[in-house]
Amino acid sequence: MSTVALEKTITLAMSVRDRHVSAQWYEDTLGFELLYHSDEVGWSELRTNVDGVTLGLGEQTEPKPGNMVPVFGVADIETARTNLETAGAVFDGPTETIEGMVSTATFYDPDGNALMIAQDLAA
C-alpha cells in the first residue's frame, strides 16, 4: 500500500460566525498572527506559535462547536487522493479548486472523522 506524501504543514480549519472578529480574538488572546483575509471566498488564516501549523477560519451562519477539521498539505493533490482512495478512504465529493489559491478534498477516517488534503496553488 502506498502512503500519502504529506508536507510539513497542517491547517486546523474551523467554522466561525465572523472571521474578522474571531481572527482578532486569536491574535489578542493567543498571540497568533493574521496571514490574510480572503473575503471573496469567506476564509481567513492565522499563523500559530507552532511551526508549520496555521488556523483557518471559514464563515458559517450557525457553526457547531467541535467542528475542527485538520487539513494536511500535499504537493500533488491528484496523486495524494488516488493513494488515499486506493487505501480505501472515502471522499465526500470531487476535489474543489479555487484558482490561484488552493485545491482541497475532504475524506473520512474509519470512524467518520473528517480530514482534508490541500495543495497550495499560490506558490
N, C-alpha and C. Protein backbone atom coordinates (compact mmCIF):
# COMPACT_ATOMS: atom_id res chain seq x y z
N MET A 1 0.85 -1.18 0.00
CA MET A 1 0.00 0.00 0.00
C MET A 1 0.89 1.24 0.00
N SER A 2 0.57 2.23 -0.85
CA SER A 2 1.30 3.50 -0.89
C SER A 2 0.76 4.44 0.16
N THR A 3 1.67 5.13 0.83
CA THR A 3 1.23 6.15 1.77
C THR A 3 1.24 7.50 1.06
N VAL A 4 0.52 8.44 1.61
CA VAL A 4 0.44 9.77 1.04
C VAL A 4 1.62 10.58 1.54
N ALA A 5 2.31 11.27 0.63
CA ALA A 5 3.44 12.12 1.00
C ALA A 5 2.91 13.47 1.47
N LEU A 6 2.89 13.65 2.79
CA LEU A 6 2.41 14.91 3.36
C LEU A 6 3.55 15.90 3.50
N GLU A 7 3.23 17.17 3.31
CA GLU A 7 4.21 18.22 3.57
C GLU A 7 4.26 18.46 5.07
N LYS A 8 5.18 19.28 5.52
CA LYS A 8 5.33 19.54 6.96
C LYS A 8 4.49 20.74 7.38
N THR A 9 3.23 20.73 6.91
CA THR A 9 2.28 21.79 7.26
C THR A 9 0.95 21.15 7.60
N ILE A 10 0.21 21.84 8.46
CA ILE A 10 -1.17 21.44 8.75
C ILE A 10 -1.95 22.71 9.07
N THR A 11 -3.16 22.77 8.52
CA THR A 11 -4.07 23.86 8.83
C THR A 11 -5.23 23.26 9.60
N LEU A 12 -5.54 23.84 10.74
CA LEU A 12 -6.69 23.43 11.53
C LEU A 12 -7.84 24.34 11.12
N ALA A 13 -8.79 23.79 10.37
CA ALA A 13 -9.88 24.59 9.82
C ALA A 13 -11.11 24.48 10.71
N MET A 14 -11.68 25.64 11.05
CA MET A 14 -12.89 25.65 11.86
C MET A 14 -13.86 26.69 11.33
N SER A 15 -15.14 26.45 11.58
CA SER A 15 -16.18 27.39 11.18
C SER A 15 -16.45 28.36 12.32
N VAL A 16 -16.65 29.63 11.94
CA VAL A 16 -16.94 30.70 12.90
C VAL A 16 -18.03 31.60 12.31
N ARG A 17 -18.68 32.37 13.15
CA ARG A 17 -19.73 33.28 12.67
C ARG A 17 -19.14 34.49 11.93
N ASP A 18 -18.07 35.05 12.46
CA ASP A 18 -17.46 36.26 11.88
C ASP A 18 -15.94 36.10 11.90
N ARG A 19 -15.34 35.85 10.74
CA ARG A 19 -13.90 35.59 10.65
C ARG A 19 -13.07 36.75 11.18
N HIS A 20 -13.48 37.96 10.91
CA HIS A 20 -12.70 39.12 11.33
C HIS A 20 -12.67 39.24 12.86
N VAL A 21 -13.82 39.05 13.48
CA VAL A 21 -13.89 39.10 14.95
C VAL A 21 -13.09 37.95 15.55
N SER A 22 -13.26 36.75 15.01
CA SER A 22 -12.54 35.59 15.53
C SER A 22 -11.03 35.74 15.34
N ALA A 23 -10.61 36.21 14.18
CA ALA A 23 -9.18 36.39 13.93
C ALA A 23 -8.58 37.36 14.95
N GLN A 24 -9.29 38.44 15.22
CA GLN A 24 -8.81 39.41 16.20
C GLN A 24 -8.70 38.77 17.59
N TRP A 25 -9.68 37.94 17.93
CA TRP A 25 -9.65 37.25 19.22
C TRP A 25 -8.42 36.34 19.31
N TYR A 26 -8.14 35.58 18.27
CA TYR A 26 -6.98 34.69 18.29
C TYR A 26 -5.66 35.47 18.33
N GLU A 27 -5.63 36.62 17.67
CA GLU A 27 -4.43 37.48 17.75
C GLU A 27 -4.24 38.00 19.17
N ASP A 28 -5.32 38.58 19.73
CA ASP A 28 -5.23 39.21 21.04
C ASP A 28 -5.06 38.20 22.18
N THR A 29 -5.72 37.08 22.09
CA THR A 29 -5.76 36.12 23.18
C THR A 29 -4.60 35.12 23.15
N LEU A 30 -4.28 34.61 21.96
CA LEU A 30 -3.26 33.57 21.85
C LEU A 30 -1.99 34.02 21.14
N GLY A 31 -1.98 35.26 20.67
CA GLY A 31 -0.78 35.79 20.02
C GLY A 31 -0.56 35.28 18.61
N PHE A 32 -1.62 34.74 17.97
CA PHE A 32 -1.49 34.30 16.59
C PHE A 32 -1.34 35.50 15.68
N GLU A 33 -0.77 35.29 14.48
CA GLU A 33 -0.53 36.38 13.53
C GLU A 33 -1.42 36.20 12.31
N LEU A 34 -2.22 37.23 11.98
CA LEU A 34 -3.07 37.17 10.81
C LEU A 34 -2.21 37.09 9.55
N LEU A 35 -2.46 36.08 8.73
CA LEU A 35 -1.77 35.96 7.44
C LEU A 35 -2.56 36.67 6.35
N TYR A 36 -3.89 36.43 6.32
CA TYR A 36 -4.73 37.11 5.34
C TYR A 36 -6.21 36.86 5.62
N HIS A 37 -7.03 37.76 5.09
CA HIS A 37 -8.48 37.58 4.99
C HIS A 37 -8.77 37.48 3.50
N SER A 38 -9.50 36.48 3.07
CA SER A 38 -9.95 36.36 1.69
C SER A 38 -11.47 36.47 1.71
N ASP A 39 -11.96 37.71 1.67
CA ASP A 39 -13.38 37.95 1.81
C ASP A 39 -14.20 37.36 0.67
N GLU A 40 -13.61 37.28 -0.53
CA GLU A 40 -14.36 36.75 -1.67
C GLU A 40 -14.68 35.26 -1.53
N VAL A 41 -13.92 34.53 -0.72
CA VAL A 41 -14.21 33.10 -0.52
C VAL A 41 -14.57 32.79 0.93
N GLY A 42 -14.65 33.81 1.80
CA GLY A 42 -15.07 33.60 3.19
C GLY A 42 -14.07 32.83 4.02
N TRP A 43 -12.79 33.16 3.88
CA TRP A 43 -11.73 32.40 4.55
C TRP A 43 -10.68 33.35 5.11
N SER A 44 -10.19 33.06 6.30
CA SER A 44 -9.09 33.80 6.92
C SER A 44 -8.10 32.78 7.45
N GLU A 45 -6.83 33.17 7.51
CA GLU A 45 -5.82 32.26 8.02
C GLU A 45 -4.86 32.98 8.94
N LEU A 46 -4.48 32.29 10.03
CA LEU A 46 -3.56 32.85 11.01
C LEU A 46 -2.41 31.88 11.25
N ARG A 47 -1.23 32.43 11.47
CA ARG A 47 -0.07 31.62 11.86
C ARG A 47 -0.15 31.41 13.37
N THR A 48 0.00 30.16 13.80
CA THR A 48 0.02 29.87 15.23
C THR A 48 1.46 29.98 15.72
N ASN A 49 1.68 29.67 16.98
CA ASN A 49 3.04 29.70 17.52
C ASN A 49 3.75 28.36 17.35
N VAL A 50 3.16 27.45 16.56
CA VAL A 50 3.76 26.15 16.26
C VAL A 50 4.17 26.13 14.80
N ASP A 51 5.45 25.91 14.52
CA ASP A 51 5.95 25.91 13.14
C ASP A 51 5.14 24.96 12.27
N GLY A 52 4.72 25.46 11.11
CA GLY A 52 4.01 24.64 10.15
C GLY A 52 2.52 24.47 10.41
N VAL A 53 2.01 25.08 11.50
CA VAL A 53 0.59 24.92 11.86
C VAL A 53 -0.10 26.28 11.74
N THR A 54 -1.16 26.32 10.90
CA THR A 54 -1.96 27.53 10.77
C THR A 54 -3.40 27.22 11.21
N LEU A 55 -4.13 28.28 11.52
CA LEU A 55 -5.54 28.17 11.87
C LEU A 55 -6.33 28.83 10.76
N GLY A 56 -7.23 28.06 10.15
CA GLY A 56 -8.09 28.59 9.10
C GLY A 56 -9.49 28.81 9.62
N LEU A 57 -10.07 29.95 9.29
CA LEU A 57 -11.41 30.30 9.76
C LEU A 57 -12.34 30.46 8.56
N GLY A 58 -13.38 29.63 8.51
CA GLY A 58 -14.39 29.73 7.46
C GLY A 58 -15.69 30.20 8.06
N GLU A 59 -16.36 31.12 7.39
CA GLU A 59 -17.60 31.66 7.94
C GLU A 59 -18.77 30.72 7.71
N GLN A 60 -19.59 30.58 8.75
CA GLN A 60 -20.80 29.77 8.70
C GLN A 60 -21.82 30.43 9.61
N THR A 61 -23.06 30.51 9.17
CA THR A 61 -24.10 31.20 9.94
C THR A 61 -24.27 30.61 11.33
N GLU A 62 -24.33 29.29 11.44
CA GLU A 62 -24.51 28.62 12.73
C GLU A 62 -23.46 27.53 12.91
N PRO A 63 -22.22 27.92 13.22
CA PRO A 63 -21.19 26.88 13.41
C PRO A 63 -21.49 26.02 14.62
N LYS A 64 -21.11 24.75 14.53
CA LYS A 64 -21.30 23.83 15.65
C LYS A 64 -19.99 23.68 16.39
N PRO A 65 -20.00 23.75 17.71
CA PRO A 65 -18.76 23.53 18.47
C PRO A 65 -18.17 22.16 18.13
N GLY A 66 -16.84 22.10 18.13
CA GLY A 66 -16.16 20.84 17.84
C GLY A 66 -16.08 20.53 16.36
N ASN A 67 -16.15 21.56 15.52
CA ASN A 67 -16.20 21.34 14.08
C ASN A 67 -14.85 21.45 13.39
N MET A 68 -13.76 21.30 14.10
CA MET A 68 -12.44 21.48 13.52
C MET A 68 -12.06 20.30 12.62
N VAL A 69 -11.47 20.64 11.47
CA VAL A 69 -11.01 19.64 10.51
C VAL A 69 -9.53 19.87 10.25
N PRO A 70 -8.67 18.86 10.49
CA PRO A 70 -7.26 19.02 10.14
C PRO A 70 -7.09 18.96 8.63
N VAL A 71 -6.32 19.90 8.10
CA VAL A 71 -6.06 19.98 6.66
C VAL A 71 -4.57 19.76 6.43
N PHE A 72 -4.24 18.64 5.79
CA PHE A 72 -2.85 18.26 5.57
C PHE A 72 -2.39 18.76 4.22
N GLY A 73 -1.27 19.48 4.21
CA GLY A 73 -0.70 19.98 2.97
C GLY A 73 -0.08 18.86 2.16
N VAL A 74 -0.33 18.86 0.85
CA VAL A 74 0.28 17.91 -0.08
C VAL A 74 0.82 18.67 -1.29
N ALA A 75 1.86 18.12 -1.91
CA ALA A 75 2.45 18.77 -3.08
C ALA A 75 1.62 18.50 -4.34
N ASP A 76 0.97 17.34 -4.42
CA ASP A 76 0.20 16.94 -5.60
C ASP A 76 -1.10 16.30 -5.14
N ILE A 77 -2.19 17.05 -5.19
CA ILE A 77 -3.46 16.57 -4.64
C ILE A 77 -4.01 15.39 -5.41
N GLU A 78 -3.81 15.34 -6.73
CA GLU A 78 -4.33 14.21 -7.51
C GLU A 78 -3.67 12.90 -7.09
N THR A 79 -2.34 12.91 -6.94
CA THR A 79 -1.63 11.71 -6.51
C THR A 79 -2.03 11.32 -5.09
N ALA A 80 -2.11 12.31 -4.20
CA ALA A 80 -2.48 12.03 -2.81
C ALA A 80 -3.88 11.44 -2.73
N ARG A 81 -4.81 12.00 -3.49
CA ARG A 81 -6.18 11.49 -3.48
C ARG A 81 -6.24 10.07 -4.03
N THR A 82 -5.54 9.82 -5.12
CA THR A 82 -5.51 8.47 -5.69
C THR A 82 -4.96 7.46 -4.68
N ASN A 83 -3.87 7.82 -4.00
CA ASN A 83 -3.29 6.93 -2.99
C ASN A 83 -4.26 6.67 -1.84
N LEU A 84 -4.97 7.71 -1.40
CA LEU A 84 -5.95 7.54 -0.32
C LEU A 84 -7.12 6.68 -0.76
N GLU A 85 -7.62 6.90 -1.98
CA GLU A 85 -8.72 6.09 -2.48
C GLU A 85 -8.31 4.64 -2.64
N THR A 86 -7.07 4.41 -3.10
CA THR A 86 -6.55 3.05 -3.23
C THR A 86 -6.49 2.36 -1.87
N ALA A 87 -6.22 3.16 -0.83
CA ALA A 87 -6.15 2.62 0.54
C ALA A 87 -7.54 2.46 1.17
N GLY A 88 -8.59 2.84 0.43
CA GLY A 88 -9.95 2.67 0.92
C GLY A 88 -10.60 3.89 1.52
N ALA A 89 -9.93 5.03 1.49
CA ALA A 89 -10.53 6.25 2.04
C ALA A 89 -11.73 6.68 1.19
N VAL A 90 -12.78 7.14 1.86
CA VAL A 90 -13.99 7.60 1.19
C VAL A 90 -13.99 9.12 1.21
N PHE A 91 -14.19 9.73 0.04
CA PHE A 91 -14.24 11.18 -0.11
C PHE A 91 -15.69 11.63 -0.18
N ASP A 92 -15.95 12.89 0.21
CA ASP A 92 -17.32 13.38 0.23
C ASP A 92 -17.74 14.03 -1.08
N GLY A 93 -16.90 14.01 -2.07
CA GLY A 93 -17.22 14.61 -3.36
C GLY A 93 -15.94 14.86 -4.13
N PRO A 94 -16.05 15.61 -5.23
CA PRO A 94 -14.87 15.88 -6.04
C PRO A 94 -13.90 16.85 -5.37
N THR A 95 -12.68 16.88 -5.86
CA THR A 95 -11.70 17.86 -5.41
C THR A 95 -12.19 19.24 -5.83
N GLU A 96 -12.11 20.20 -4.92
CA GLU A 96 -12.54 21.57 -5.21
C GLU A 96 -11.33 22.46 -5.37
N THR A 97 -11.38 23.34 -6.36
CA THR A 97 -10.25 24.23 -6.63
C THR A 97 -10.70 25.67 -6.67
N ILE A 98 -9.96 26.52 -5.97
CA ILE A 98 -10.09 27.97 -6.09
C ILE A 98 -8.84 28.40 -6.83
N GLU A 99 -9.00 28.74 -8.11
CA GLU A 99 -7.86 29.02 -8.98
C GLU A 99 -6.90 30.03 -8.36
N GLY A 100 -5.62 29.71 -8.44
CA GLY A 100 -4.59 30.59 -7.92
C GLY A 100 -4.46 30.58 -6.41
N MET A 101 -5.29 29.76 -5.72
CA MET A 101 -5.25 29.74 -4.27
C MET A 101 -5.00 28.32 -3.73
N VAL A 102 -5.98 27.41 -3.92
CA VAL A 102 -5.87 26.09 -3.28
C VAL A 102 -6.80 25.07 -3.95
N SER A 103 -6.40 23.81 -3.89
CA SER A 103 -7.28 22.68 -4.23
C SER A 103 -7.43 21.86 -2.96
N THR A 104 -8.67 21.45 -2.65
CA THR A 104 -8.92 20.69 -1.43
C THR A 104 -9.82 19.49 -1.72
N ALA A 105 -9.69 18.48 -0.86
CA ALA A 105 -10.57 17.31 -0.94
C ALA A 105 -10.77 16.78 0.48
N THR A 106 -12.03 16.55 0.84
CA THR A 106 -12.37 16.05 2.18
C THR A 106 -12.62 14.55 2.12
N PHE A 107 -12.04 13.85 3.10
CA PHE A 107 -12.24 12.41 3.20
C PHE A 107 -12.46 12.05 4.66
N TYR A 108 -12.73 10.77 4.92
CA TYR A 108 -13.10 10.35 6.28
C TYR A 108 -12.25 9.19 6.75
N ASP A 109 -11.95 9.19 8.05
CA ASP A 109 -11.25 8.04 8.64
C ASP A 109 -12.28 6.95 8.92
N PRO A 110 -11.86 5.77 9.39
CA PRO A 110 -12.81 4.68 9.61
C PRO A 110 -13.93 4.98 10.60
N ASP A 111 -13.75 5.99 11.47
CA ASP A 111 -14.78 6.35 12.43
C ASP A 111 -15.65 7.51 11.97
N GLY A 112 -15.45 7.97 10.73
CA GLY A 112 -16.26 9.05 10.18
C GLY A 112 -15.76 10.44 10.50
N ASN A 113 -14.54 10.57 11.04
CA ASN A 113 -13.97 11.90 11.30
C ASN A 113 -13.51 12.51 9.99
N ALA A 114 -13.87 13.76 9.77
CA ALA A 114 -13.48 14.45 8.53
C ALA A 114 -12.02 14.88 8.59
N LEU A 115 -11.32 14.67 7.49
CA LEU A 115 -9.94 15.12 7.29
C LEU A 115 -9.91 15.74 5.90
N MET A 116 -8.89 16.55 5.64
CA MET A 116 -8.80 17.19 4.34
C MET A 116 -7.35 17.21 3.88
N ILE A 117 -7.17 17.11 2.56
CA ILE A 117 -5.85 17.36 1.97
C ILE A 117 -5.98 18.62 1.13
N ALA A 118 -4.87 19.37 1.03
CA ALA A 118 -4.90 20.63 0.29
C ALA A 118 -3.57 20.85 -0.41
N GLN A 119 -3.67 21.31 -1.66
CA GLN A 119 -2.49 21.70 -2.42
C GLN A 119 -2.50 23.21 -2.58
N ASP A 120 -1.46 23.87 -2.13
CA ASP A 120 -1.32 25.31 -2.24
C ASP A 120 -1.02 25.66 -3.69
N LEU A 121 -1.88 26.45 -4.32
CA LEU A 121 -1.68 26.84 -5.71
C LEU A 121 -1.12 28.25 -5.83
N ALA A 122 -0.94 28.92 -4.70
CA ALA A 122 -0.47 30.31 -4.72
C ALA A 122 1.04 30.39 -4.92
N ALA A 123 1.75 29.31 -4.68
CA ALA A 123 3.21 29.35 -4.76
C ALA A 123 3.71 29.33 -6.18
